Amino acid sequence: MQCWGMTDPGCVRSQNQDTYRVEQLDRNNLLCVVCDGMGGAKSGNVASSLAADVFVEEIRQTWKAGMDADAAEQMLRGAVKLANFTVFDQAQQLEEFSGMGTTLVAAMVQGREVTVVNVGDSRAYCVGRGGIRRITRDHSLVQMMVDRGELTPERARTYPGKNYITRAIGTEPVAECDVFRLDVERGDCLLLCSDGLTNMMDDQEILFEVVHGINKQYCCQRLLDIAKNRGAPDNVTSVLVLI
C-alpha cells in the first residue's frame, strides 16, 4: 500500500484553506483525511486544520490492531463527533472564528477493506481498471436538486449555487455523517479530494489520469496541473492511495 498527497491554493486565492493528513497506523492499516475549510480568510484554514488534527488524533488514540469493520465504523463516527464538537466550540469562544466550518472526507484502509466517512462535498472515489466509482454523496444544494430531478448531473457542475453545502463540521452542535464500506482489489486506487479538483475535472478525466498516468506517485501533481491550467479558482487538494 502506497499513499501520496498534495494541496495548493490554486490560481486565485492567496490562502489555502484545505488540509490533508495521512497516518500510517501499521503496515496494513492507513488513515487519510481531506478537509476544505470555510468561514472567511481568518477562520477557514483554522477549521480545516483543527478538524483534521482532532480527527486523526482521536483515531490514533482509539485504533487497535485487528479491529473489525463494525468497530472501525464506530471509531470513525466518534472521531467525526469529536472534531465537530471541537470546531463548533472554538467558533463559539472567539468572535473572529464565528461561523467557521469545514468539510471532511476520510478513509480507513484495513488491508482490502475500506471504510469511508464524509460530511460536506469533498469526495472519495475508488478507481481501477474497471472504471471509477464515486463512493461518497455530496451534502449540497445541487445534489439535492439532482436527487429531485430538478437538475441533471451535467448542469449541476456549473449551477450558480454549487458551492452551497448542507452539512459541515463545526457549524452546528451535531454533525451528521455518512459512512460507506467497500472491498477493494490489489491495484485499485482510492482518491480523496476537495471540490477545488472536482469542479475543474469530471469523473472520466480523473479516471484517465489515475489509471493511465505513467507513475502513480506523480498523479496528484498531474491532477493539480490540470486544475491550475483551467484556472483553479479554489484551493485544490488530493490524496491517492494505491492498494
C-alpha atoms as a PDB file:
ATOM      1  CA  MET A   1       0.000   0.000   0.000  1.00  0.00           C
ATOM      2  CA  GLN A   2       1.338   3.418  -1.020  1.00  0.00           C
ATOM      3  CA  CYS A   3      -0.056   6.907  -0.490  1.00  0.00           C
ATOM      4  CA  TRP A   4       0.632  10.401  -1.830  1.00  0.00           C
ATOM      5  CA  GLY A   5      -0.999  13.772  -1.155  1.00  0.00           C
ATOM      6  CA  MET A   6      -0.819  17.350  -2.377  1.00  0.00           C
ATOM      7  CA  THR A   7      -2.569  20.646  -1.607  1.00  0.00           C
ATOM      8  CA  ASP A   8      -2.293  24.022  -3.350  1.00  0.00           C
ATOM      9  CA  PRO A   9      -4.016  27.437  -3.051  1.00  0.00           C
ATOM     10  CA  GLY A  10      -4.958  27.363  -6.746  1.00  0.00           C
ATOM     11  CA  CYS A  11      -4.742  30.291  -9.155  1.00  0.00           C
ATOM     12  CA  VAL A  12      -6.952  32.884  -7.457  1.00  0.00           C
ATOM     13  CA  ARG A  13      -6.918  32.576  -3.671  1.00  0.00           C
ATOM     14  CA  SER A  14      -3.928  33.766  -1.667  1.00  0.00           C
ATOM     15  CA  GLN A  15      -4.646  31.460   1.287  1.00  0.00           C
ATOM     16  CA  ASN A  16      -5.025  27.692   1.294  1.00  0.00           C
ATOM     17  CA  GLN A  17      -7.953  26.637   3.497  1.00  0.00           C
ATOM     18  CA  ASP A  18      -7.693  22.971   2.519  1.00  0.00           C
ATOM     19  CA  THR A  19      -5.912  20.470   4.762  1.00  0.00           C
ATOM     20  CA  TYR A  20      -4.981  16.822   4.371  1.00  0.00           C
ATOM     21  CA  ARG A  21      -3.477  14.267   6.723  1.00  0.00           C
ATOM     22  CA  VAL A  22      -2.094  10.765   6.179  1.00  0.00           C
ATOM     23  CA  GLU A  23      -1.498   8.461   9.148  1.00  0.00           C
ATOM     24  CA  GLN A  24       0.110   5.042   8.692  1.00  0.00           C
ATOM     25  CA  LEU A  25      -1.225   3.090  11.671  1.00  0.00           C
ATOM     26  CA  ASP A  26       0.718  -0.049  10.777  1.00  0.00           C
ATOM     27  CA  ARG A  27       1.796  -1.957   7.682  1.00  0.00           C
ATOM     28  CA  ASN A  28      -1.756  -2.842   6.625  1.00  0.00           C
ATOM     29  CA  ASN A  29      -3.781  -0.005   8.159  1.00  0.00           C
ATOM     30  CA  LEU A  30      -3.853   3.536   6.810  1.00  0.00           C
ATOM     31  CA  LEU A  31      -5.936   6.613   7.586  1.00  0.00           C
ATOM     32  CA  CYS A  32      -6.227   9.581   5.234  1.00  0.00           C
ATOM     33  CA  VAL A  33      -8.308  12.752   5.590  1.00  0.00           C
ATOM     34  CA  VAL A  34      -9.140  15.777   3.427  1.00  0.00           C
ATOM     35  CA  CYS A  35     -10.840  18.893   4.836  1.00  0.00           C
ATOM     36  CA  ASP A  36     -11.960  22.019   2.962  1.00  0.00           C
ATOM     37  CA  GLY A  37     -12.438  24.962   5.324  1.00  0.00           C
ATOM     38  CA  MET A  38     -14.915  27.809   5.092  1.00  0.00           C
ATOM     39  CA  GLY A  39     -15.724  30.924   7.052  1.00  0.00           C
ATOM     40  CA  GLY A  40     -13.537  33.639   5.596  1.00  0.00           C
ATOM     41  CA  ALA A  41      -9.839  34.363   5.448  1.00  0.00           C
ATOM     42  CA  LYS A  42      -9.397  34.358   9.221  1.00  0.00           C
ATOM     43  CA  SER A  43     -11.038  31.095  10.052  1.00  0.00           C
ATOM     44  CA  GLY A  44     -11.434  28.639   7.159  1.00  0.00           C
ATOM     45  CA  ASN A  45      -7.894  27.345   7.491  1.00  0.00           C
ATOM     46  CA  VAL A  46      -8.301  27.111  11.279  1.00  0.00           C
ATOM     47  CA  ALA A  47     -11.440  24.996  10.914  1.00  0.00           C
ATOM     48  CA  SER A  48      -9.926  22.572   8.416  1.00  0.00           C
ATOM     49  CA  SER A  49      -6.630  22.056  10.213  1.00  0.00           C
ATOM     50  CA  LEU A  50      -8.300  21.780  13.632  1.00  0.00           C
ATOM     51  CA  ALA A  51     -10.854  19.246  12.401  1.00  0.00           C
ATOM     52  CA  ALA A  52      -8.194  17.150  10.655  1.00  0.00           C
ATOM     53  CA  ASP A  53      -5.863  17.175  13.654  1.00  0.00           C
ATOM     54  CA  VAL A  54      -8.578  16.269  16.171  1.00  0.00           C
ATOM     55  CA  PHE A  55      -9.980  13.570  13.875  1.00  0.00           C
ATOM     56  CA  VAL A  56      -6.592  11.922  13.319  1.00  0.00           C
ATOM     57  CA  GLU A  57      -5.576  12.131  16.979  1.00  0.00           C
ATOM     58  CA  GLU A  58      -8.827  10.500  18.072  1.00  0.00           C
ATOM     59  CA  ILE A  59      -8.247   7.634  15.648  1.00  0.00           C
ATOM     60  CA  ARG A  60      -4.645   7.331  16.815  1.00  0.00           C
ATOM     61  CA  GLN A  61      -5.818   7.028  20.425  1.00  0.00           C
ATOM     62  CA  THR A  62      -8.662   4.564  19.834  1.00  0.00           C
ATOM     63  CA  TRP A  63      -7.428   2.350  16.991  1.00  0.00           C
ATOM     64  CA  LYS A  64      -6.377  -1.189  17.875  1.00  0.00           C
ATOM     65  CA  ALA A  65      -4.746  -3.806  15.669  1.00  0.00           C
ATOM     66  CA  GLY A  66      -7.266  -6.381  14.484  1.00  0.00           C
ATOM     67  CA  MET A  67     -10.231  -4.012  14.783  1.00  0.00           C
ATOM     68  CA  ASP A  68     -13.108  -5.246  12.609  1.00  0.00           C
ATOM     69  CA  ALA A  69     -15.197  -3.138  10.207  1.00  0.00           C
ATOM     70  CA  ASP A  70     -18.010  -2.536  12.710  1.00  0.00           C
ATOM     71  CA  ALA A  71     -15.579  -1.227  15.288  1.00  0.00           C
ATOM     72  CA  ALA A  72     -13.812   0.890  12.657  1.00  0.00           C
ATOM     73  CA  GLU A  73     -17.111   2.489  11.659  1.00  0.00           C
ATOM     74  CA  GLN A  74     -17.936   3.379  15.247  1.00  0.00           C
ATOM     75  CA  MET A  75     -14.433   4.749  15.716  1.00  0.00           C
ATOM     76  CA  LEU A  76     -14.776   6.989  12.644  1.00  0.00           C
ATOM     77  CA  ARG A  77     -18.200   8.211  13.734  1.00  0.00           C
ATOM     78  CA  GLY A  78     -16.778   9.062  17.151  1.00  0.00           C
ATOM     79  CA  ALA A  79     -13.872  10.951  15.594  1.00  0.00           C
ATOM     80  CA  VAL A  80     -16.283  12.987  13.450  1.00  0.00           C
ATOM     81  CA  LYS A  81     -18.337  13.798  16.544  1.00  0.00           C
ATOM     82  CA  LEU A  82     -15.266  14.984  18.448  1.00  0.00           C
ATOM     83  CA  ALA A  83     -13.938  17.023  15.512  1.00  0.00           C
ATOM     84  CA  ASN A  84     -17.310  18.707  15.113  1.00  0.00           C
ATOM     85  CA  PHE A  85     -17.583  19.497  18.824  1.00  0.00           C
ATOM     86  CA  THR A  86     -14.073  20.971  18.874  1.00  0.00           C
ATOM     87  CA  VAL A  87     -14.533  23.229  15.849  1.00  0.00           C
ATOM     88  CA  PHE A  88     -18.016  24.321  16.954  1.00  0.00           C
ATOM     89  CA  ASP A  89     -16.776  25.097  20.466  1.00  0.00           C
ATOM     90  CA  GLN A  90     -13.848  27.125  19.115  1.00  0.00           C
ATOM     91  CA  ALA A  91     -16.237  29.096  16.895  1.00  0.00           C
ATOM     92  CA  GLN A  92     -18.356  29.977  19.934  1.00  0.00           C
ATOM     93  CA  GLN A  93     -15.383  31.092  22.004  1.00  0.00           C
ATOM     94  CA  LEU A  94     -13.823  33.627  19.643  1.00  0.00           C
ATOM     95  CA  GLU A  95     -15.718  36.171  17.550  1.00  0.00           C
ATOM     96  CA  GLU A  96     -13.148  36.041  14.759  1.00  0.00           C
ATOM     97  CA  PHE A  97     -13.941  32.348  14.271  1.00  0.00           C
ATOM     98  CA  SER A  98     -17.730  32.738  14.335  1.00  0.00           C
ATOM     99  CA  GLY A  99     -19.423  30.716  11.593  1.00  0.00           C
ATOM    100  CA  MET A 100     -16.354  28.744  10.581  1.00  0.00           C
ATOM    101  CA  GLY A 101     -16.662  25.173   9.427  1.00  0.00           C
ATOM    102  CA  THR A 102     -15.153  22.580   7.146  1.00  0.00           C
ATOM    103  CA  THR A 103     -15.953  19.589   5.017  1.00  0.00           C
ATOM    104  CA  LEU A 104     -14.368  16.276   5.942  1.00  0.00           C
ATOM    105  CA  VAL A 105     -13.835  13.094   3.987  1.00  0.00           C
ATOM    106  CA  ALA A 106     -11.721  10.279   5.400  1.00  0.00           C
ATOM    107  CA  ALA A 107     -10.843   6.714   4.514  1.00  0.00           C
ATOM    108  CA  MET A 108      -9.714   3.961   6.853  1.00  0.00           C
ATOM    109  CA  VAL A 109      -7.924   1.279   4.835  1.00  0.00           C
ATOM    110  CA  GLN A 110      -7.623  -2.104   6.573  1.00  0.00           C
ATOM    111  CA  GLY A 111      -5.952  -4.385   4.054  1.00  0.00           C
ATOM    112  CA  ARG A 112      -8.598  -4.871   1.353  1.00  0.00           C
ATOM    113  CA  GLU A 113     -11.437  -3.437   3.468  1.00  0.00           C
ATOM    114  CA  VAL A 114     -12.119   0.300   3.328  1.00  0.00           C
ATOM    115  CA  THR A 115     -14.428   2.420   5.462  1.00  0.00           C
ATOM    116  CA  VAL A 116     -15.152   5.961   4.251  1.00  0.00           C
ATOM    117  CA  VAL A 117     -16.828   8.766   6.195  1.00  0.00           C
ATOM    118  CA  ASN A 118     -17.861  12.158   4.846  1.00  0.00           C
ATOM    119  CA  VAL A 119     -19.530  15.425   5.798  1.00  0.00           C
ATOM    120  CA  GLY A 120     -19.933  18.056   3.069  1.00  0.00           C
ATOM    121  CA  ASP A 121     -18.896  17.929  -0.583  1.00  0.00           C
ATOM    122  CA  SER A 122     -15.302  16.730  -0.505  1.00  0.00           C
ATOM    123  CA  ARG A 123     -15.292  13.351  -2.227  1.00  0.00           C
ATOM    124  CA  ALA A 124     -13.886   9.842  -2.165  1.00  0.00           C
ATOM    125  CA  TYR A 125     -13.533   7.722  -5.301  1.00  0.00           C
ATOM    126  CA  CYS A 126     -12.470   4.158  -5.997  1.00  0.00           C
ATOM    127  CA  VAL A 127     -10.556   3.959  -9.269  1.00  0.00           C
ATOM    128  CA  GLY A 128      -9.363   0.858 -11.086  1.00  0.00           C
ATOM    129  CA  ARG A 129      -9.193  -0.869 -14.419  1.00  0.00           C
ATOM    130  CA  GLY A 130     -12.923  -1.456 -14.155  1.00  0.00           C
ATOM    131  CA  GLY A 131     -13.661   2.266 -14.058  1.00  0.00           C
ATOM    132  CA  ILE A 132     -14.319   4.968 -11.493  1.00  0.00           C
ATOM    133  CA  ARG A 133     -16.866   4.834  -8.691  1.00  0.00           C
ATOM    134  CA  ARG A 134     -17.797   7.799  -6.566  1.00  0.00           C
ATOM    135  CA  ILE A 135     -18.092   6.429  -3.043  1.00  0.00           C
ATOM    136  CA  THR A 136     -19.474   9.496  -1.296  1.00  0.00           C
ATOM    137  CA  ARG A 137     -22.566  11.567  -1.957  1.00  0.00           C
ATOM    138  CA  ASP A 138     -22.266  15.351  -1.785  1.00  0.00           C
ATOM    139  CA  HIS A 139     -24.133  17.101   1.012  1.00  0.00           C
ATOM    140  CA  SER A 140     -25.000  20.077  -1.157  1.00  0.00           C
ATOM    141  CA  LEU A 141     -27.890  22.050  -2.588  1.00  0.00           C
ATOM    142  CA  VAL A 142     -27.212  20.907  -6.141  1.00  0.00           C
ATOM    143  CA  GLN A 143     -27.068  17.238  -5.113  1.00  0.00           C
ATOM    144  CA  MET A 144     -30.499  17.631  -3.512  1.00  0.00           C
ATOM    145  CA  MET A 145     -31.772  19.188  -6.752  1.00  0.00           C
ATOM    146  CA  VAL A 146     -30.277  16.352  -8.799  1.00  0.00           C
ATOM    147  CA  ASP A 147     -31.909  13.805  -6.498  1.00  0.00           C
ATOM    148  CA  ARG A 148     -35.279  15.517  -7.001  1.00  0.00           C
ATOM    149  CA  GLY A 149     -34.862  15.569 -10.764  1.00  0.00           C
ATOM    150  CA  GLU A 150     -34.614  19.358 -10.929  1.00  0.00           C
ATOM    151  CA  LEU A 151     -31.067  19.346 -12.327  1.00  0.00           C
ATOM    152  CA  THR A 152     -29.101  16.975 -14.485  1.00  0.00           C
ATOM    153  CA  PRO A 153     -25.670  15.937 -13.187  1.00  0.00           C
ATOM    154  CA  GLU A 154     -24.119  17.807 -16.123  1.00  0.00           C
ATOM    155  CA  ARG A 155     -25.986  21.035 -15.337  1.00  0.00           C
ATOM    156  CA  ALA A 156     -25.154  20.669 -11.643  1.00  0.00           C
ATOM    157  CA  ARG A 157     -21.432  21.047 -12.378  1.00  0.00           C
ATOM    158  CA  THR A 158     -21.913  24.696 -13.378  1.00  0.00           C
ATOM    159  CA  TYR A 159     -25.025  25.633 -11.386  1.00  0.00           C
ATOM    160  CA  PRO A 160     -24.621  29.008  -9.567  1.00  0.00           C
ATOM    161  CA  GLY A 161     -25.450  27.527  -6.140  1.00  0.00           C
ATOM    162  CA  LYS A 162     -22.982  24.671  -6.479  1.00  0.00           C
ATOM    163  CA  ASN A 163     -20.837  25.721  -3.531  1.00  0.00           C
ATOM    164  CA  TYR A 164     -23.711  25.787  -1.023  1.00  0.00           C
ATOM    165  CA  ILE A 165     -23.301  22.748   1.238  1.00  0.00           C
ATOM    166  CA  THR A 166     -25.990  21.382   3.527  1.00  0.00           C
ATOM    167  CA  ARG A 167     -23.723  19.703   6.101  1.00  0.00           C
ATOM    168  CA  ALA A 168     -20.385  20.736   7.560  1.00  0.00           C
ATOM    169  CA  ILE A 169     -18.107  20.111  10.517  1.00  0.00           C
ATOM    170  CA  GLY A 170     -18.355  22.833  13.159  1.00  0.00           C
ATOM    171  CA  THR A 171     -21.347  24.866  12.023  1.00  0.00           C
ATOM    172  CA  GLU A 172     -23.910  23.099  14.225  1.00  0.00           C
ATOM    173  CA  PRO A 173     -23.691  21.386  17.643  1.00  0.00           C
ATOM    174  CA  VAL A 174     -24.080  17.984  15.962  1.00  0.00           C
ATOM    175  CA  ALA A 175     -22.793  16.914  12.533  1.00  0.00           C
ATOM    176  CA  GLU A 176     -24.435  14.018  10.709  1.00  0.00           C
ATOM    177  CA  CYS A 177     -22.001  11.933   8.669  1.00  0.00           C
ATOM    178  CA  ASP A 178     -22.399   9.234   6.044  1.00  0.00           C
ATOM    179  CA  VAL A 179     -20.375   6.025   6.267  1.00  0.00           C
ATOM    180  CA  PHE A 180     -19.594   3.663   3.392  1.00  0.00           C
ATOM    181  CA  ARG A 181     -17.876   0.283   3.369  1.00  0.00           C
ATOM    182  CA  LEU A 182     -16.294  -1.361   0.358  1.00  0.00           C
ATOM    183  CA  ASP A 183     -13.900  -4.120  -0.590  1.00  0.00           C
ATOM    184  CA  VAL A 184     -11.031  -3.236  -2.909  1.00  0.00           C
ATOM    185  CA  GLU A 185      -8.664  -5.287  -5.058  1.00  0.00           C
ATOM    186  CA  ARG A 186      -4.919  -5.127  -5.313  1.00  0.00           C
ATOM    187  CA  GLY A 187      -4.062  -2.370  -7.804  1.00  0.00           C
ATOM    188  CA  ASP A 188      -7.189  -0.314  -7.069  1.00  0.00           C
ATOM    189  CA  CYS A 189      -6.766   3.297  -6.022  1.00  0.00           C
ATOM    190  CA  LEU A 190      -8.647   5.446  -3.553  1.00  0.00           C
ATOM    191  CA  LEU A 191      -8.801   9.161  -4.299  1.00  0.00           C
ATOM    192  CA  LEU A 192      -9.886  11.714  -1.702  1.00  0.00           C
ATOM    193  CA  CYS A 193     -10.212  15.302  -2.917  1.00  0.00           C
ATOM    194  CA  SER A 194     -11.715  18.709  -2.282  1.00  0.00           C
ATOM    195  CA  ASP A 195     -14.191  20.317  -4.686  1.00  0.00           C
ATOM    196  CA  GLY A 196     -11.399  22.518  -5.988  1.00  0.00           C
ATOM    197  CA  LEU A 197     -10.412  19.482  -8.057  1.00  0.00           C
ATOM    198  CA  THR A 198     -13.824  18.071  -8.967  1.00  0.00           C
ATOM    199  CA  ASN A 199     -15.073  21.488 -10.083  1.00  0.00           C
ATOM    200  CA  MET A 200     -12.271  21.502 -12.653  1.00  0.00           C
ATOM    201  CA  MET A 201     -12.358  17.853 -13.803  1.00  0.00           C
ATOM    202  CA  ASP A 202     -15.134  15.375 -14.441  1.00  0.00           C
ATOM    203  CA  ASP A 203     -15.027  11.770 -13.272  1.00  0.00           C
ATOM    204  CA  GLN A 204     -13.865  10.341 -16.590  1.00  0.00           C
ATOM    205  CA  GLU A 205     -10.945  12.758 -16.760  1.00  0.00           C
ATOM    206  CA  ILE A 206      -9.931  11.765 -13.240  1.00  0.00           C
ATOM    207  CA  LEU A 207     -10.206   8.091 -14.220  1.00  0.00           C
ATOM    208  CA  PHE A 208      -7.889   8.586 -17.191  1.00  0.00           C
ATOM    209  CA  GLU A 209      -5.205  10.367 -15.145  1.00  0.00           C
ATOM    210  CA  VAL A 210      -5.259   7.838 -12.306  1.00  0.00           C
ATOM    211  CA  VAL A 211      -5.337   4.691 -14.448  1.00  0.00           C
ATOM    212  CA  HIS A 212      -3.247   5.698 -17.439  1.00  0.00           C
ATOM    213  CA  GLY A 213      -0.730   8.023 -15.828  1.00  0.00           C
ATOM    214  CA  ILE A 214       2.880   6.910 -16.179  1.00  0.00           C
ATOM    215  CA  ASN A 215       3.615   6.845 -12.440  1.00  0.00           C
ATOM    216  CA  LYS A 216       1.123   6.899  -9.554  1.00  0.00           C
ATOM    217  CA  GLN A 217       3.467   8.959  -7.384  1.00  0.00           C
ATOM    218  CA  TYR A 218       3.038  11.895  -9.774  1.00  0.00           C
ATOM    219  CA  CYS A 219      -0.737  11.559 -10.129  1.00  0.00           C
ATOM    220  CA  CYS A 220      -1.650  14.226  -7.557  1.00  0.00           C
ATOM    221  CA  GLN A 221       0.714  16.650  -9.307  1.00  0.00           C
ATOM    222  CA  ARG A 222      -0.850  15.882 -12.693  1.00  0.00           C
ATOM    223  CA  LEU A 223      -4.354  16.456 -11.306  1.00  0.00           C
ATOM    224  CA  LEU A 224      -3.231  19.742  -9.769  1.00  0.00           C
ATOM    225  CA  ASP A 225      -1.585  20.864 -13.004  1.00  0.00           C
ATOM    226  CA  ILE A 226      -4.791  20.237 -14.970  1.00  0.00           C
ATOM    227  CA  ALA A 227      -6.896  22.137 -12.440  1.00  0.00           C
ATOM    228  CA  LYS A 228      -4.485  25.087 -12.459  1.00  0.00           C
ATOM    229  CA  ASN A 229      -4.277  25.109 -16.256  1.00  0.00           C
ATOM    230  CA  ARG A 230      -8.066  25.563 -16.205  1.00  0.00           C
ATOM    231  CA  GLY A 231      -7.901  28.496 -13.782  1.00  0.00           C
ATOM    232  CA  ALA A 232      -8.363  26.732 -10.412  1.00  0.00           C
ATOM    233  CA  PRO A 233     -10.379  29.457  -8.632  1.00  0.00           C
ATOM    234  CA  ASP A 234     -10.444  27.406  -5.419  1.00  0.00           C
ATOM    235  CA  ASN A 235      -7.869  25.512  -3.354  1.00  0.00           C
ATOM    236  CA  VAL A 236      -7.043  22.071  -4.795  1.00  0.00           C
ATOM    237  CA  THR A 237      -6.266  19.013  -2.635  1.00  0.00           C
ATOM    238  CA  SER A 238      -5.981  15.319  -3.424  1.00  0.00           C
ATOM    239  CA  VAL A 239      -4.790  12.182  -1.637  1.00  0.00           C
ATOM    240  CA  LEU A 240      -4.195   8.998  -3.629  1.00  0.00           C
ATOM    241  CA  VAL A 241      -3.872   5.531  -2.076  1.00  0.00           C
ATOM    242  CA  LEU A 242      -2.625   2.620  -4.190  1.00  0.00           C
ATOM    243  CA  ILE A 243      -3.836  -0.651  -2.679  1.00  0.00           C
END
